[in-house]
């Protein structure tokens, strides 16, 4: 019943050079606009299909990896536990199941005896990129389902499609799909230094590139310029797109930029940032190598870290 460890690599989906975690899923995704009832009905009863348990957005981890169970394990979960089709890999369908309704705490959820439902942020650094892309996808879908049970057009309760990534309102016939919030994240550069800031809720010493949500009628490049100026009072130009990252914790698509700052003068918005400073390239390299003692760069699975890695290699 239990298929521990990472799934075998499928090179078909490995295209491009995006370095970011949560990206480059090895699964072939279903077309969510098509009628999938027959496909899901067949694969959910196929003994070769796999089931990924989640509890309030966090994966079941065993032997250091996400636990992929046989779909026969579904009978151990409540009959109404939400199930989502994530995709197909090596001709095996991969489903996720939400165990949140099965117990009050993760320790009593189904199959907790073979591992632990670990907080995704904490477990992310130890996962393979393939597994993190799959688990992040499941987290995203179940969070969307939890937050969007009612039609935004008429307020009626919606019904989710068999693959779990589409909702339909029987009252007004509206269709709904998983929410994606675009975000511009920017590493501003001036000569041989970059601008990093710390959010008010972050521990001292933890800094990152500055970011903000793209507003209505705004391009990501315009958002990049606006956010850097609003948060730090820094004017940037030559905004250069680098790569993107699906970020499941706020259902965001992070779009990463490098940009040139006109000066190093900072006018901090203390509602947005607790502090912001210019950091020399040599100090950033030391922090990336774990040698810095007075500040900490973001973990490797974040797009901010990948922007820093790209900048220091330029």
C-alpha atoms as a PDB file:
ATOM      1  CA  UNK A   1       0.000   0.000   0.000  1.00  0.00           C
ATOM      2  CA  UNK A   2       2.824   2.428   0.782  1.00  0.00           C
ATOM      3  CA  UNK A   3       5.223   3.606  -1.885  1.00  0.00           C
ATOM      4  CA  UNK A   4       7.850   5.512   0.088  1.00  0.00           C
ATOM      5  CA  UNK A   5      10.542   7.674  -1.467  1.00  0.00           C
ATOM      6  CA  UNK A   6      10.612   9.970  -4.471  1.00  0.00           C
ATOM      7  CA  UNK A   7       8.890   8.909  -7.677  1.00  0.00           C
ATOM      8  CA  UNK A   8      11.012   8.096 -10.711  1.00  0.00           C
ATOM      9  CA  UNK A   9      12.001  11.054 -12.865  1.00  0.00           C
ATOM     10  CA  UNK A  10       9.964  11.794 -15.980  1.00  0.00           C
ATOM     11  CA  UNK A  11      12.145  13.879 -18.362  1.00  0.00           C
ATOM     12  CA  UNK A  12       9.228  14.799 -20.646  1.00  0.00           C
ATOM     13  CA  UNK A  13       8.252  17.838 -18.531  1.00  0.00           C
ATOM     14  CA  UNK A  14      11.838  18.981 -17.898  1.00  0.00           C
ATOM     15  CA  UNK A  15      12.046  21.925 -20.254  1.00  0.00           C
ATOM     16  CA  UNK A  16      13.638  25.311 -19.784  1.00  0.00           C
ATOM     17  CA  UNK A  17      16.133  26.420 -17.148  1.00  0.00           C
ATOM     18  CA  UNK A  18      13.896  27.690 -14.339  1.00  0.00           C
ATOM     19  CA  UNK A  19      15.933  27.129 -11.138  1.00  0.00           C
ATOM     20  CA  UNK A  20      13.034  27.554  -8.741  1.00  0.00           C
ATOM     21  CA  UNK A  21      11.536  25.017  -6.375  1.00  0.00           C
ATOM     22  CA  UNK A  22       7.738  24.402  -6.701  1.00  0.00           C
ATOM     23  CA  UNK A  23       8.242  24.797 -10.476  1.00  0.00           C
ATOM     24  CA  UNK A  24       8.976  22.165 -13.155  1.00  0.00           C
ATOM     25  CA  UNK A  25       6.407  19.599 -12.058  1.00  0.00           C
ATOM     26  CA  UNK A  26       7.183  16.103 -13.387  1.00  0.00           C
ATOM     27  CA  UNK A  27       3.462  15.393 -13.792  1.00  0.00           C
ATOM     28  CA  UNK A  28       1.512  15.661 -17.021  1.00  0.00           C
ATOM     29  CA  UNK A  29      -1.453  17.773 -15.968  1.00  0.00           C
ATOM     30  CA  UNK A  30      -5.022  16.994 -17.000  1.00  0.00           C
ATOM     31  CA  UNK A  31      -7.002  19.468 -19.090  1.00  0.00           C
ATOM     32  CA  UNK A  32      -9.314  20.832 -16.407  1.00  0.00           C
ATOM     33  CA  UNK A  33     -11.689  22.306 -18.994  1.00  0.00           C
ATOM     34  CA  UNK A  34     -12.601  18.862 -20.337  1.00  0.00           C
ATOM     35  CA  UNK A  35     -15.101  16.383 -18.891  1.00  0.00           C
ATOM     36  CA  UNK A  36     -12.902  14.161 -16.745  1.00  0.00           C
ATOM     37  CA  UNK A  37     -15.469  11.974 -15.007  1.00  0.00           C
ATOM     38  CA  UNK A  38     -14.624   8.791 -16.941  1.00  0.00           C
ATOM     39  CA  UNK A  39     -10.854   9.267 -16.607  1.00  0.00           C
ATOM     40  CA  UNK A  40     -11.030   9.985 -12.860  1.00  0.00           C
ATOM     41  CA  UNK A  41     -13.466   7.132 -12.207  1.00  0.00           C
ATOM     42  CA  UNK A  42     -11.117   4.702 -13.949  1.00  0.00           C
ATOM     43  CA  UNK A  43      -7.883   5.938 -12.372  1.00  0.00           C
ATOM     44  CA  UNK A  44      -9.209   6.328  -8.814  1.00  0.00           C
ATOM     45  CA  UNK A  45      -9.902   2.582  -8.882  1.00  0.00           C
ATOM     46  CA  UNK A  46      -6.687   1.632 -10.666  1.00  0.00           C
ATOM     47  CA  UNK A  47      -4.346  -0.201  -8.234  1.00  0.00           C
ATOM     48  CA  UNK A  48      -1.363   1.427  -9.952  1.00  0.00           C
ATOM     49  CA  UNK A  49      -2.575   4.956  -9.121  1.00  0.00           C
ATOM     50  CA  UNK A  50      -1.048   6.805  -6.174  1.00  0.00           C
ATOM     51  CA  UNK A  51      -2.559   8.853  -3.355  1.00  0.00           C
ATOM     52  CA  UNK A  52      -0.776  11.719  -1.586  1.00  0.00           C
ATOM     53  CA  UNK A  53      -2.259  12.459   1.884  1.00  0.00           C
ATOM     54  CA  UNK A  54      -2.389  16.089   3.068  1.00  0.00           C
ATOM     55  CA  UNK A  55      -3.571  17.516   6.397  1.00  0.00           C
ATOM     56  CA  UNK A  56      -4.459  21.223   6.401  1.00  0.00           C
ATOM     57  CA  UNK A  57      -2.078  21.770   3.523  1.00  0.00           C
ATOM     58  CA  UNK A  58       0.807  19.761   4.968  1.00  0.00           C
ATOM     59  CA  UNK A  59       2.102  16.461   3.504  1.00  0.00           C
ATOM     60  CA  UNK A  60       2.524  13.114   5.201  1.00  0.00           C
ATOM     61  CA  UNK A  61       6.289  12.546   5.386  1.00  0.00           C
ATOM     62  CA  UNK A  62       7.826   9.119   5.868  1.00  0.00           C
ATOM     63  CA  UNK A  63      11.499   8.236   5.590  1.00  0.00           C
ATOM     64  CA  UNK A  64      12.158  11.868   4.722  1.00  0.00           C
ATOM     65  CA  UNK A  65       9.919  11.887   1.649  1.00  0.00           C
ATOM     66  CA  UNK A  66       6.244  12.528   0.903  1.00  0.00           C
ATOM     67  CA  UNK A  67       4.231   9.335   1.355  1.00  0.00           C
ATOM     68  CA  UNK A  68       2.650   8.105  -1.858  1.00  0.00           C
ATOM     69  CA  UNK A  69       0.021   5.490  -0.974  1.00  0.00           C
ATOM     70  CA  UNK A  70      -1.920   3.109  -3.143  1.00  0.00           C
ATOM     71  CA  UNK A  71      -5.379   4.459  -3.964  1.00  0.00           C
ATOM     72  CA  UNK A  72      -6.689   1.488  -1.958  1.00  0.00           C
ATOM     73  CA  UNK A  73      -5.793   3.616   1.092  1.00  0.00           C
ATOM     74  CA  UNK A  74      -8.668   5.943   0.267  1.00  0.00           C
ATOM     75  CA  UNK A  75     -11.057   3.727   2.270  1.00  0.00           C
ATOM     76  CA  UNK A  76      -9.190   4.758   5.444  1.00  0.00           C
ATOM     77  CA  UNK A  77     -10.254   8.397   4.957  1.00  0.00           C
ATOM     78  CA  UNK A  78     -13.755   9.872   5.389  1.00  0.00           C
ATOM     79  CA  UNK A  79     -15.959   9.158   2.377  1.00  0.00           C
ATOM     80  CA  UNK A  80     -16.355  12.887   1.728  1.00  0.00           C
ATOM     81  CA  UNK A  81     -12.621  13.701   1.982  1.00  0.00           C
ATOM     82  CA  UNK A  82     -11.742  15.983  -0.968  1.00  0.00           C
ATOM     83  CA  UNK A  83      -9.650  14.323  -3.682  1.00  0.00           C
ATOM     84  CA  UNK A  84      -7.749  16.113  -6.462  1.00  0.00           C
ATOM     85  CA  UNK A  85      -6.103  14.692  -9.573  1.00  0.00           C
ATOM     86  CA  UNK A  86      -2.633  16.219  -9.800  1.00  0.00           C
ATOM     87  CA  UNK A  87      -1.513  14.540 -13.016  1.00  0.00           C
ATOM     88  CA  UNK A  88       0.028  11.454 -14.555  1.00  0.00           C
ATOM     89  CA  UNK A  89       3.588  10.212 -14.334  1.00  0.00           C
ATOM     90  CA  UNK A  90       4.934   7.152 -16.074  1.00  0.00           C
ATOM     91  CA  UNK A  91       1.323   6.209 -16.855  1.00  0.00           C
ATOM     92  CA  UNK A  92       0.402   6.280 -13.155  1.00  0.00           C
ATOM     93  CA  UNK A  93      -2.185   8.802 -11.995  1.00  0.00           C
ATOM     94  CA  UNK A  94      -1.269  10.792  -8.878  1.00  0.00           C
ATOM     95  CA  UNK A  95      -4.123  11.971  -6.648  1.00  0.00           C
ATOM     96  CA  UNK A  96      -4.027  14.026  -3.445  1.00  0.00           C
ATOM     97  CA  UNK A  97      -6.504  13.587  -0.598  1.00  0.00           C
ATOM     98  CA  UNK A  98      -7.315  16.122   2.120  1.00  0.00           C
ATOM     99  CA  UNK A  99      -7.334  14.427   5.536  1.00  0.00           C
ATOM    100  CA  UNK A 100      -8.255  17.610   7.392  1.00  0.00           C
ATOM    101  CA  UNK A 101     -11.782  16.437   8.165  1.00  0.00           C
ATOM    102  CA  UNK A 102     -10.636  13.097   9.574  1.00  0.00           C
ATOM    103  CA  UNK A 103      -9.220  14.330  12.896  1.00  0.00           C
ATOM    104  CA  UNK A 104      -8.759  17.384  15.076  1.00  0.00           C
ATOM    105  CA  UNK A 105      -4.983  17.161  14.905  1.00  0.00           C
ATOM    106  CA  UNK A 106      -2.479  15.716  12.476  1.00  0.00           C
ATOM    107  CA  UNK A 107      -1.303  13.056  14.910  1.00  0.00           C
ATOM    108  CA  UNK A 108      -4.694  11.334  14.759  1.00  0.00           C
ATOM    109  CA  UNK A 109      -5.158  11.639  10.989  1.00  0.00           C
ATOM    110  CA  UNK A 110      -5.127   8.515   8.797  1.00  0.00           C
ATOM    111  CA  UNK A 111      -1.684   6.921   8.314  1.00  0.00           C
ATOM    112  CA  UNK A 112       0.002   9.221  10.847  1.00  0.00           C
ATOM    113  CA  UNK A 113       1.458   6.039  12.360  1.00  0.00           C
ATOM    114  CA  UNK A 114       3.755   5.540   9.341  1.00  0.00           C
ATOM    115  CA  UNK A 115       5.143   9.058   9.373  1.00  0.00           C
ATOM    116  CA  UNK A 116       4.274  12.639  10.282  1.00  0.00           C
ATOM    117  CA  UNK A 117       2.200  15.368   8.666  1.00  0.00           C
ATOM    118  CA  UNK A 118       4.910  18.007   8.555  1.00  0.00           C
ATOM    119  CA  UNK A 119       4.464  21.734   7.980  1.00  0.00           C
ATOM    120  CA  UNK A 120       5.218  22.304   4.314  1.00  0.00           C
ATOM    121  CA  UNK A 121       7.472  25.326   4.851  1.00  0.00           C
ATOM    122  CA  UNK A 122       9.624  23.366   7.270  1.00  0.00           C
ATOM    123  CA  UNK A 123       9.743  20.229   5.154  1.00  0.00           C
ATOM    124  CA  UNK A 124      10.406  22.015   1.856  1.00  0.00           C
ATOM    125  CA  UNK A 125      14.190  22.271   2.180  1.00  0.00           C
ATOM    126  CA  UNK A 126      14.548  18.501   2.575  1.00  0.00           C
ATOM    127  CA  UNK A 127      12.341  17.506  -0.368  1.00  0.00           C
ATOM    128  CA  UNK A 128      13.461  16.866  -3.915  1.00  0.00           C
ATOM    129  CA  UNK A 129      12.378  19.493  -6.433  1.00  0.00           C
ATOM    130  CA  UNK A 130      10.024  17.007  -8.077  1.00  0.00           C
ATOM    131  CA  UNK A 131       8.297  16.110  -4.828  1.00  0.00           C
ATOM    132  CA  UNK A 132       8.034  19.743  -3.757  1.00  0.00           C
ATOM    133  CA  UNK A 133       6.360  20.669  -7.068  1.00  0.00           C
ATOM    134  CA  UNK A 134       3.807  17.880  -6.574  1.00  0.00           C
ATOM    135  CA  UNK A 135       3.119  18.654  -2.907  1.00  0.00           C
ATOM    136  CA  UNK A 136       2.939  22.403  -3.591  1.00  0.00           C
ATOM    137  CA  UNK A 137       0.332  21.732  -6.283  1.00  0.00           C
ATOM    138  CA  UNK A 138      -1.780  19.710  -3.823  1.00  0.00           C
ATOM    139  CA  UNK A 139      -1.442  22.392  -1.131  1.00  0.00           C
ATOM    140  CA  UNK A 140      -2.562  25.026  -3.639  1.00  0.00           C
ATOM    141  CA  UNK A 141      -5.669  23.130  -4.754  1.00  0.00           C
ATOM    142  CA  UNK A 142      -6.915  22.287  -1.265  1.00  0.00           C
ATOM    143  CA  UNK A 143      -6.330  25.825  -0.024  1.00  0.00           C
ATOM    144  CA  UNK A 144      -8.307  27.158  -2.994  1.00  0.00           C
ATOM    145  CA  UNK A 145     -11.157  24.731  -2.316  1.00  0.00           C
ATOM    146  CA  UNK A 146     -11.221  25.706   1.359  1.00  0.00           C
ATOM    147  CA  UNK A 147     -11.398  29.431   0.610  1.00  0.00           C
ATOM    148  CA  UNK A 148     -13.759  29.303  -2.388  1.00  0.00           C
ATOM    149  CA  UNK A 149     -16.699  27.146  -1.387  1.00  0.00           C
ATOM    150  CA  UNK A 150     -19.181  29.755  -2.580  1.00  0.00           C
ATOM    151  CA  UNK A 151     -19.761  31.342  -5.972  1.00  0.00           C
ATOM    152  CA  UNK A 152     -18.276  34.831  -6.266  1.00  0.00           C
ATOM    153  CA  UNK A 153     -21.019  35.713  -8.765  1.00  0.00           C
ATOM    154  CA  UNK A 154     -24.190  34.802  -6.831  1.00  0.00           C
ATOM    155  CA  UNK A 155     -23.058  33.466  -3.450  1.00  0.00           C
ATOM    156  CA  UNK A 156     -24.404  29.932  -3.848  1.00  0.00           C
ATOM    157  CA  UNK A 157     -22.344  26.933  -2.771  1.00  0.00           C
ATOM    158  CA  UNK A 158     -20.335  25.460  -5.650  1.00  0.00           C
ATOM    159  CA  UNK A 159     -19.679  21.859  -6.651  1.00  0.00           C
ATOM    160  CA  UNK A 160     -16.095  20.840  -7.428  1.00  0.00           C
ATOM    161  CA  UNK A 161     -15.331  18.836 -10.554  1.00  0.00           C
ATOM    162  CA  UNK A 162     -14.016  15.283 -10.417  1.00  0.00           C
ATOM    163  CA  UNK A 163     -10.394  16.367 -10.847  1.00  0.00           C
ATOM    164  CA  UNK A 164     -10.675  18.923  -8.035  1.00  0.00           C
ATOM    165  CA  UNK A 165      -9.392  21.928 -10.002  1.00  0.00           C
ATOM    166  CA  UNK A 166     -12.661  23.328 -11.313  1.00  0.00           C
ATOM    167  CA  UNK A 167     -15.861  24.431  -9.594  1.00  0.00           C
ATOM    168  CA  UNK A 168     -19.344  24.922 -10.994  1.00  0.00           C
ATOM    169  CA  UNK A 169     -22.250  26.918  -9.615  1.00  0.00           C
ATOM    170  CA  UNK A 170     -25.561  25.205 -10.378  1.00  0.00           C
ATOM    171  CA  UNK A 171     -27.479  28.372  -9.525  1.00  0.00           C
ATOM    172  CA  UNK A 172     -25.931  30.785 -12.059  1.00  0.00           C
ATOM    173  CA  UNK A 173     -23.892  28.345 -14.209  1.00  0.00           C
ATOM    174  CA  UNK A 174     -20.617  30.157 -13.442  1.00  0.00           C
ATOM    175  CA  UNK A 175     -17.359  28.219 -13.608  1.00  0.00           C
ATOM    176  CA  UNK A 176     -14.470  28.872 -11.230  1.00  0.00           C
ATOM    177  CA  UNK A 177     -10.814  27.863 -11.383  1.00  0.00           C
ATOM    178  CA  UNK A 178      -7.939  27.970  -8.868  1.00  0.00           C
ATOM    179  CA  UNK A 179      -6.918  31.479  -7.892  1.00  0.00           C
ATOM    180  CA  UNK A 180      -3.478  32.792  -8.877  1.00  0.00           C
ATOM    181  CA  UNK A 181      -2.209  36.098  -7.466  1.00  0.00           C
ATOM    182  CA  UNK A 182       0.611  37.736  -9.500  1.00  0.00           C
ATOM    183  CA  UNK A 183       3.514  39.146  -7.494  1.00  0.00           C
ATOM    184  CA  UNK A 184       6.606  41.069  -8.610  1.00  0.00           C
ATOM    185  CA  UNK A 185       9.704  40.368  -6.518  1.00  0.00           C
ATOM    186  CA  UNK A 186      12.667  42.603  -7.215  1.00  0.00           C
ATOM    187  CA  UNK A 187      16.358  42.600  -6.408  1.00  0.00           C
ATOM    188  CA  UNK A 188      17.432  46.225  -6.834  1.00  0.00           C
ATOM    189  CA  UNK A 189      21.125  46.693  -7.631  1.00  0.00           C
ATOM    190  CA  UNK A 190      23.408  49.719  -7.383  1.00  0.00           C
ATOM    191  CA  UNK A 191      27.020  49.226  -8.489  1.00  0.00           C
ATOM    192  CA  UNK A 192      28.245  46.262  -6.422  1.00  0.00           C
ATOM    193  CA  UNK A 193      25.439  46.145  -3.844  1.00  0.00           C
ATOM    194  CA  UNK A 194      21.844  44.962  -3.653  1.00  0.00           C
ATOM    195  CA  UNK A 195      18.856  46.122  -1.637  1.00  0.00           C
ATOM    196  CA  UNK A 196      17.359  43.714   0.923  1.00  0.00           C
ATOM    197  CA  UNK A 197      14.706  44.371   3.545  1.00  0.00           C
ATOM    198  CA  UNK A 198      13.111  42.777   6.612  1.00  0.00           C
ATOM    199  CA  UNK A 199       9.369  42.567   7.190  1.00  0.00           C
ATOM    200  CA  UNK A 200       8.026  43.767  10.563  1.00  0.00           C
ATOM    201  CA  UNK A 201       7.073  40.222  11.631  1.00  0.00           C
ATOM    202  CA  UNK A 202      10.395  38.627  10.637  1.00  0.00           C
ATOM    203  CA  UNK A 203      13.144  37.727  13.160  1.00  0.00           C
ATOM    204  CA  UNK A 204      16.099  40.127  13.353  1.00  0.00           C
ATOM    205  CA  UNK A 205      18.695  39.527  10.678  1.00  0.00           C
ATOM    206  CA  UNK A 206      16.388  37.794   8.184  1.00  0.00           C
ATOM    207  CA  UNK A 207      16.234  39.792   4.951  1.00  0.00           C
ATOM    208  CA  UNK A 208      14.927  39.255   1.443  1.00  0.00           C
ATOM    209  CA  UNK A 209      14.250  40.932  -1.879  1.00  0.00           C
ATOM    210  CA  UNK A 210      11.282  43.315  -1.900  1.00  0.00           C
ATOM    211  CA  UNK A 211       7.967  42.196  -3.374  1.00  0.00           C
ATOM    212  CA  UNK A 212       4.350  43.202  -3.852  1.00  0.00           C
ATOM    213  CA  UNK A 213       1.125  42.148  -5.542  1.00  0.00           C
ATOM    214  CA  UNK A 214       0.434  43.351  -9.068  1.00  0.00           C
ATOM    215  CA  UNK A 215      -2.557  45.698  -9.003  1.00  0.00           C
ATOM    216  CA  UNK A 216      -5.405  45.916 -11.511  1.00  0.00           C
ATOM    217  CA  UNK A 217      -4.335  47.407 -14.829  1.00  0.00           C
ATOM    218  CA  UNK A 218      -0.650  47.184 -13.922  1.00  0.00           C
ATOM    219  CA  UNK A 219       2.177  45.290 -15.590  1.00  0.00           C
ATOM    220  CA  UNK A 220       4.661  43.314 -13.443  1.00  0.00           C
ATOM    221  CA  UNK A 221       7.392  45.788 -14.419  1.00  0.00           C
ATOM    222  CA  UNK A 222       5.252  48.719 -13.272  1.00  0.00           C
ATOM    223  CA  UNK A 223       4.539  46.872 -10.049  1.00  0.00           C
ATOM    224  CA  UNK A 224       8.264  46.323  -9.506  1.00  0.00           C
ATOM    225  CA  UNK A 225       8.982  50.039  -9.820  1.00  0.00           C
ATOM    226  CA  UNK A 226       6.043  51.034  -7.624  1.00  0.00           C
ATOM    227  CA  UNK A 227       6.739  48.551  -4.830  1.00  0.00           C
ATOM    228  CA  UNK A 228      10.434  49.417  -4.517  1.00  0.00           C
ATOM    229  CA  UNK A 229       9.592  53.104  -4.364  1.00  0.00           C
ATOM    230  CA  UNK A 230       6.661  52.701  -1.945  1.00  0.00           C
ATOM    231  CA  UNK A 231       8.537  50.433   0.473  1.00  0.00           C
ATOM    232  CA  UNK A 232      12.055  51.866   0.321  1.00  0.00           C
ATOM    233  CA  UNK A 233      11.820  55.163  -1.575  1.00  0.00           C
ATOM    234  CA  UNK A 234      14.266  53.820  -4.168  1.00  0.00           C
ATOM    235  CA  UNK A 235      13.806  54.646  -7.858  1.00  0.00           C
ATOM    236  CA  UNK A 236      14.675  51.797 -10.227  1.00  0.00           C
ATOM    237  CA  UNK A 237      14.907  51.382 -13.993  1.00  0.00           C
ATOM    238  CA  UNK A 238      16.112  48.722 -16.430  1.00  0.00           C
ATOM    239  CA  UNK A 239      13.727  46.207 -14.826  1.00  0.00           C
ATOM    240  CA  UNK A 240      14.808  42.810 -16.211  1.00  0.00           C
ATOM    241  CA  UNK A 241      12.618  39.725 -15.914  1.00  0.00           C
ATOM    242  CA  UNK A 242      14.520  36.579 -14.841  1.00  0.00           C
ATOM    243  CA  UNK A 243      12.131  33.709 -14.021  1.00  0.00           C
ATOM    244  CA  UNK A 244       8.943  32.855 -12.120  1.00  0.00           C
ATOM    245  CA  UNK A 245       7.892  30.597  -9.267  1.00  0.00           C
ATOM    246  CA  UNK A 246       4.499  29.208  -8.255  1.00  0.00           C
ATOM    247  CA  UNK A 247       4.302  29.972  -4.518  1.00  0.00           C
ATOM    248  CA  UNK A 248       1.523  27.956  -2.849  1.00  0.00           C
ATOM    249  CA  UNK A 249       1.376  29.658   0.534  1.00  0.00           C
ATOM    250  CA  UNK A 250      -0.552  32.629  -0.797  1.00  0.00           C
ATOM    251  CA  UNK A 251      -1.576  31.126  -4.160  1.00  0.00           C
ATOM    252  CA  UNK A 252       0.885  33.448  -5.847  1.00  0.00           C
ATOM    253  CA  UNK A 253       2.865  33.450  -9.068  1.00  0.00           C
ATOM    254  CA  UNK A 254       6.132  35.129  -8.137  1.00  0.00           C
ATOM    255  CA  UNK A 255       7.782  36.934 -11.048  1.00  0.00           C
ATOM    256  CA  UNK A 256      11.436  37.679 -10.355  1.00  0.00           C
ATOM    257  CA  UNK A 257      13.279  40.771 -11.597  1.00  0.00           C
ATOM    258  CA  UNK A 258      16.695  42.342 -11.378  1.00  0.00           C
ATOM    259  CA  UNK A 259      16.676  46.135 -11.637  1.00  0.00           C
ATOM    260  CA  UNK A 260      19.104  49.047 -11.524  1.00  0.00           C
ATOM    261  CA  UNK A 261      18.673  51.659  -8.787  1.00  0.00           C
ATOM    262  CA  UNK A 262      19.379  55.328  -9.470  1.00  0.00           C
ATOM    263  CA  UNK A 263      20.869  55.851  -5.990  1.00  0.00           C
ATOM    264  CA  UNK A 264      21.271  54.205  -2.591  1.00  0.00           C
ATOM    265  CA  UNK A 265      19.154  56.734  -0.739  1.00  0.00           C
ATOM    266  CA  UNK A 266      16.477  54.901   1.298  1.00  0.00           C
ATOM    267  CA  UNK A 267      13.222  56.408   2.547  1.00  0.00           C
ATOM    268  CA  UNK A 268      11.675  53.540   4.495  1.00  0.00           C
ATOM    269  CA  UNK A 269       7.948  52.882   4.839  1.00  0.00           C
ATOM    270  CA  UNK A 270       7.954  51.433   8.368  1.00  0.00           C
ATOM    271  CA  UNK A 271       4.470  49.992   7.912  1.00  0.00           C
ATOM    272  CA  UNK A 272       5.874  47.731   5.180  1.00  0.00           C
ATOM    273  CA  UNK A 273       9.451  47.125   6.336  1.00  0.00           C
ATOM    274  CA  UNK A 274      11.245  47.074   9.664  1.00  0.00           C
ATOM    275  CA  UNK A 275      14.546  47.839   7.940  1.00  0.00           C
ATOM    276  CA  UNK A 276      16.250  47.868   4.556  1.00  0.00           C
ATOM    277  CA  UNK A 277      19.930  48.118   3.687  1.00  0.00           C
ATOM    278  CA  UNK A 278      22.342  47.876   0.802  1.00  0.00           C
ATOM    279  CA  UNK A 279      24.491  44.758   1.018  1.00  0.00           C
ATOM    280  CA  UNK A 280      27.824  44.379  -0.765  1.00  0.00           C
ATOM    281  CA  UNK A 281      28.198  41.490  -3.174  1.00  0.00           C
ATOM    282  CA  UNK A 282      31.048  40.006  -1.104  1.00  0.00           C
ATOM    283  CA  UNK A 283      28.842  39.990   2.016  1.00  0.00           C
ATOM    284  CA  UNK A 284      25.963  38.369   0.127  1.00  0.00           C
ATOM    285  CA  UNK A 285      28.297  35.671  -1.187  1.00  0.00           C
ATOM    286  CA  UNK A 286      29.436  35.008   2.371  1.00  0.00           C
ATOM    287  CA  UNK A 287      25.821  34.729   3.529  1.00  0.00           C
ATOM    288  CA  UNK A 288      24.969  32.360   0.672  1.00  0.00           C
ATOM    289  CA  UNK A 289      27.869  30.185   1.823  1.00  0.00           C
ATOM    290  CA  UNK A 290      26.706  30.311   5.438  1.00  0.00           C
ATOM    291  CA  UNK A 291      29.616  32.465   6.588  1.00  0.00           C
ATOM    292  CA  UNK A 292      27.822  35.762   7.365  1.00  0.00           C
ATOM    293  CA  UNK A 293      26.911  36.353  11.003  1.00  0.00           C
ATOM    294  CA  UNK A 294      24.871  39.552  11.025  1.00  0.00           C
ATOM    295  CA  UNK A 295      22.196  38.720   8.417  1.00  0.00           C
ATOM    296  CA  UNK A 296      20.551  35.695   6.822  1.00  0.00           C
ATOM    297  CA  UNK A 297      19.498  35.211   3.221  1.00  0.00           C
ATOM    298  CA  UNK A 298      16.291  33.334   2.265  1.00  0.00           C
ATOM    299  CA  UNK A 299      16.330  29.522   2.023  1.00  0.00           C
ATOM    300  CA  UNK A 300      17.215  27.813  -1.229  1.00  0.00           C
ATOM    301  CA  UNK A 301      13.618  26.929  -2.150  1.00  0.00           C
ATOM    302  CA  UNK A 302      12.610  30.614  -2.413  1.00  0.00           C
ATOM    303  CA  UNK A 303      12.758  32.737  -5.543  1.00  0.00           C
ATOM    304  CA  UNK A 304      14.485  35.523  -3.572  1.00  0.00           C
ATOM    305  CA  UNK A 305      17.409  33.163  -2.954  1.00  0.00           C
ATOM    306  CA  UNK A 306      17.581  32.274  -6.638  1.00  0.00           C
ATOM    307  CA  UNK A 307      17.654  35.967  -7.581  1.00  0.00           C
ATOM    308  CA  UNK A 308      20.591  36.471  -5.223  1.00  0.00           C
ATOM    309  CA  UNK A 309      22.361  33.411  -6.639  1.00  0.00           C
ATOM    310  CA  UNK A 310      21.914  34.716 -10.181  1.00  0.00           C
ATOM    311  CA  UNK A 311      23.113  38.220  -9.296  1.00  0.00           C
ATOM    312  CA  UNK A 312      26.331  37.119  -7.582  1.00  0.00           C
ATOM    313  CA  UNK A 313      27.219  34.967 -10.602  1.00  0.00           C
ATOM    314  CA  UNK A 314      26.808  37.832 -13.074  1.00  0.00           C
END
